[in-house]
Amino acid sequence: MNSLAKLVVAVIFASTLASTRAAEPVYDVVVYGGTSGGVTAAIQSARMGKSVVLIEPSGHIGGLTSGGLGATDIGNKGAIGGLSREFYRKIGAYYLQASAWKFGSRDAYVEKRKALSEN
């Protein structure tokens, strides 16, 4: 292959790479980890006008807070502020509504547990 042909191939290859890179998303903030801290960081960054992507490899967002740990282990309630306080207030308002409480029968619970243990 002569030098001109090599140059043309190199330019085409380089322009293909450049156009591929231009299509990749660009974010101001990348948060890795969807725990309470990660979600809070992503929300606050977005509220500050930044473009944000939150990456959680497990697919489970919220960490221990969304897994059932609903209390904060701190004796001083005044120390909880910002997004944490906002979160707890919204959770409290949600559970004050009668529609938030759905009761199932014991039999339905036992059947569900049995089906889960079989898989």
C-alpha atoms as a PDB file:
ATOM      1  CA  MET A   1       0.000   0.000   0.000  1.00  0.00           C
ATOM      2  CA  ASN A   2       1.450   3.356  -0.922  1.00  0.00           C
ATOM      3  CA  SER A   3       1.873   6.241   1.493  1.00  0.00           C
ATOM      4  CA  LEU A   4      -1.160   8.186   0.236  1.00  0.00           C
ATOM      5  CA  ALA A   5      -3.466   5.184   0.670  1.00  0.00           C
ATOM      6  CA  LYS A   6      -2.117   4.597   4.185  1.00  0.00           C
ATOM      7  CA  LEU A   7      -2.728   8.240   5.031  1.00  0.00           C
ATOM      8  CA  VAL A   8      -6.328   8.087   3.744  1.00  0.00           C
ATOM      9  CA  VAL A   9      -7.012   4.931   5.775  1.00  0.00           C
ATOM     10  CA  ALA A  10      -5.481   6.529   8.880  1.00  0.00           C
ATOM     11  CA  VAL A  11      -7.597   9.692   8.483  1.00  0.00           C
ATOM     12  CA  ILE A  12     -10.798   7.677   8.009  1.00  0.00           C
ATOM     13  CA  PHE A  13      -9.959   5.516  11.035  1.00  0.00           C
ATOM     14  CA  ALA A  14      -9.163   8.571  13.186  1.00  0.00           C
ATOM     15  CA  SER A  15     -12.358  10.364  12.162  1.00  0.00           C
ATOM     16  CA  THR A  16     -14.377   7.245  12.987  1.00  0.00           C
ATOM     17  CA  LEU A  17     -12.852   7.153  16.475  1.00  0.00           C
ATOM     18  CA  ALA A  18     -13.461  10.873  16.952  1.00  0.00           C
ATOM     19  CA  SER A  19     -17.122  10.594  15.973  1.00  0.00           C
ATOM     20  CA  THR A  20     -17.565   7.608  18.317  1.00  0.00           C
ATOM     21  CA  ARG A  21     -16.093   9.523  21.218  1.00  0.00           C
ATOM     22  CA  ALA A  22     -18.282  12.543  20.533  1.00  0.00           C
ATOM     23  CA  ALA A  23     -21.377  10.354  20.933  1.00  0.00           C
ATOM     24  CA  GLU A  24     -20.390   9.241  24.440  1.00  0.00           C
ATOM     25  CA  PRO A  25     -22.318  10.973  27.238  1.00  0.00           C
ATOM     26  CA  VAL A  26     -20.505  13.540  29.323  1.00  0.00           C
ATOM     27  CA  TYR A  27     -21.447  14.287  32.945  1.00  0.00           C
ATOM     28  CA  ASP A  28     -20.278  16.881  35.423  1.00  0.00           C
ATOM     29  CA  VAL A  29     -20.536  14.377  38.277  1.00  0.00           C
ATOM     30  CA  VAL A  30     -20.320  10.583  38.278  1.00  0.00           C
ATOM     31  CA  VAL A  31     -21.452   8.917  41.510  1.00  0.00           C
ATOM     32  CA  TYR A  32     -20.485   5.266  41.913  1.00  0.00           C
ATOM     33  CA  GLY A  33     -22.581   3.521  44.545  1.00  0.00           C
ATOM     34  CA  GLY A  34     -26.300   3.774  45.131  1.00  0.00           C
ATOM     35  CA  THR A  35     -26.224   3.765  48.929  1.00  0.00           C
ATOM     36  CA  SER A  36     -27.962   6.536  50.859  1.00  0.00           C
ATOM     37  CA  GLY A  37     -24.791   8.598  50.590  1.00  0.00           C
ATOM     38  CA  GLY A  38     -24.501   8.037  46.847  1.00  0.00           C
ATOM     39  CA  VAL A  39     -28.134   8.897  46.183  1.00  0.00           C
ATOM     40  CA  THR A  40     -27.813  12.009  48.356  1.00  0.00           C
ATOM     41  CA  ALA A  41     -24.673  13.093  46.486  1.00  0.00           C
ATOM     42  CA  ALA A  42     -26.410  12.633  43.135  1.00  0.00           C
ATOM     43  CA  ILE A  43     -29.532  14.546  44.214  1.00  0.00           C
ATOM     44  CA  GLN A  44     -27.559  17.439  45.672  1.00  0.00           C
ATOM     45  CA  SER A  45     -25.324  17.664  42.598  1.00  0.00           C
ATOM     46  CA  ALA A  46     -28.392  17.795  40.332  1.00  0.00           C
ATOM     47  CA  ARG A  47     -29.969  20.481  42.521  1.00  0.00           C
ATOM     48  CA  MET A  48     -26.775  22.485  42.085  1.00  0.00           C
ATOM     49  CA  GLY A  49     -27.287  22.393  38.320  1.00  0.00           C
ATOM     50  CA  LYS A  50     -24.781  19.670  37.496  1.00  0.00           C
ATOM     51  CA  SER A  51     -25.444  16.820  35.089  1.00  0.00           C
ATOM     52  CA  VAL A  52     -25.205  13.604  37.078  1.00  0.00           C
ATOM     53  CA  VAL A  53     -25.085   9.883  36.491  1.00  0.00           C
ATOM     54  CA  LEU A  54     -25.555   7.463  39.394  1.00  0.00           C
ATOM     55  CA  ILE A  55     -24.013   4.034  38.868  1.00  0.00           C
ATOM     56  CA  GLU A  56     -25.037   1.156  41.127  1.00  0.00           C
ATOM     57  CA  PRO A  57     -23.655  -2.200  39.966  1.00  0.00           C
ATOM     58  CA  SER A  58     -26.008  -4.340  42.052  1.00  0.00           C
ATOM     59  CA  GLY A  59     -29.228  -2.725  40.847  1.00  0.00           C
ATOM     60  CA  HIS A  60     -30.387  -2.097  44.428  1.00  0.00           C
ATOM     61  CA  ILE A  61     -30.714   1.613  45.148  1.00  0.00           C
ATOM     62  CA  GLY A  62     -30.751   3.080  48.647  1.00  0.00           C
ATOM     63  CA  GLY A  63     -28.468   0.806  50.634  1.00  0.00           C
ATOM     64  CA  LEU A  64     -29.498  -0.071  54.183  1.00  0.00           C
ATOM     65  CA  THR A  65     -32.088   2.706  54.287  1.00  0.00           C
ATOM     66  CA  SER A  66     -34.168   1.152  51.513  1.00  0.00           C
ATOM     67  CA  GLY A  67     -33.522  -2.326  52.884  1.00  0.00           C
ATOM     68  CA  GLY A  68     -35.430  -1.671  56.078  1.00  0.00           C
ATOM     69  CA  LEU A  69     -33.091   0.287  58.337  1.00  0.00           C
ATOM     70  CA  GLY A  70     -35.424   3.217  58.834  1.00  0.00           C
ATOM     71  CA  ALA A  71     -33.953   4.817  61.927  1.00  0.00           C
ATOM     72  CA  THR A  72     -30.844   6.900  62.230  1.00  0.00           C
ATOM     73  CA  ASP A  73     -28.593   5.800  65.062  1.00  0.00           C
ATOM     74  CA  ILE A  74     -27.965   9.171  66.611  1.00  0.00           C
ATOM     75  CA  GLY A  75     -29.132  10.589  69.897  1.00  0.00           C
ATOM     76  CA  ASN A  76     -29.256  14.196  68.718  1.00  0.00           C
ATOM     77  CA  LYS A  77     -32.146  14.700  66.275  1.00  0.00           C
ATOM     78  CA  GLY A  78     -31.006  18.267  65.675  1.00  0.00           C
ATOM     79  CA  ALA A  79     -27.831  16.955  64.066  1.00  0.00           C
ATOM     80  CA  ILE A  80     -29.826  15.476  61.181  1.00  0.00           C
ATOM     81  CA  GLY A  81     -30.390  18.102  58.526  1.00  0.00           C
ATOM     82  CA  GLY A  82     -30.313  18.760  54.811  1.00  0.00           C
ATOM     83  CA  LEU A  83     -31.365  15.963  52.519  1.00  0.00           C
ATOM     84  CA  SER A  84     -31.465  13.440  55.367  1.00  0.00           C
ATOM     85  CA  ARG A  85     -34.049  15.483  57.241  1.00  0.00           C
ATOM     86  CA  GLU A  86     -36.005  16.051  54.011  1.00  0.00           C
ATOM     87  CA  PHE A  87     -36.012  12.298  53.356  1.00  0.00           C
ATOM     88  CA  TYR A  88     -37.235  11.397  56.849  1.00  0.00           C
ATOM     89  CA  ARG A  89     -39.964  14.041  56.716  1.00  0.00           C
ATOM     90  CA  LYS A  90     -41.228  12.717  53.382  1.00  0.00           C
ATOM     91  CA  ILE A  91     -41.204   9.142  54.685  1.00  0.00           C
ATOM     92  CA  GLY A  92     -43.130  10.278  57.768  1.00  0.00           C
ATOM     93  CA  ALA A  93     -45.715  12.117  55.659  1.00  0.00           C
ATOM     94  CA  TYR A  94     -46.140   9.078  53.419  1.00  0.00           C
ATOM     95  CA  TYR A  95     -46.772   6.678  56.297  1.00  0.00           C
ATOM     96  CA  LEU A  96     -49.272   9.015  57.926  1.00  0.00           C
ATOM     97  CA  GLN A  97     -51.599   8.262  54.997  1.00  0.00           C
ATOM     98  CA  ALA A  98     -53.965   5.353  55.490  1.00  0.00           C
ATOM     99  CA  SER A  99     -53.340   4.183  51.907  1.00  0.00           C
ATOM    100  CA  ALA A 100     -49.691   3.452  52.775  1.00  0.00           C
ATOM    101  CA  TRP A 101     -50.703   0.624  55.084  1.00  0.00           C
ATOM    102  CA  LYS A 102     -51.652  -2.538  53.233  1.00  0.00           C
ATOM    103  CA  PHE A 103     -52.268  -5.591  55.344  1.00  0.00           C
ATOM    104  CA  GLY A 104     -52.133  -9.101  53.964  1.00  0.00           C
ATOM    105  CA  SER A 105     -53.320 -12.339  55.452  1.00  0.00           C
ATOM    106  CA  ARG A 106     -51.003 -14.698  57.279  1.00  0.00           C
ATOM    107  CA  ASP A 107     -51.869 -17.432  54.784  1.00  0.00           C
ATOM    108  CA  ALA A 108     -50.750 -15.271  51.849  1.00  0.00           C
ATOM    109  CA  TYR A 109     -47.488 -14.540  53.667  1.00  0.00           C
ATOM    110  CA  VAL A 110     -46.842 -18.233  54.366  1.00  0.00           C
ATOM    111  CA  GLU A 111     -47.542 -19.149  50.730  1.00  0.00           C
ATOM    112  CA  LYS A 112     -45.202 -16.433  49.480  1.00  0.00           C
ATOM    113  CA  ARG A 113     -42.407 -17.580  51.820  1.00  0.00           C
ATOM    114  CA  LYS A 114     -42.924 -21.185  50.752  1.00  0.00           C
ATOM    115  CA  ALA A 115     -42.687 -20.234  47.063  1.00  0.00           C
ATOM    116  CA  LEU A 116     -39.525 -18.235  47.707  1.00  0.00           C
ATOM    117  CA  SER A 117     -37.840 -21.053  49.605  1.00  0.00           C
ATOM    118  CA  GLU A 118     -38.586 -23.506  46.785  1.00  0.00           C
ATOM    119  CA  ASN A 119     -36.683 -21.375  44.271  1.00  0.00           C
END
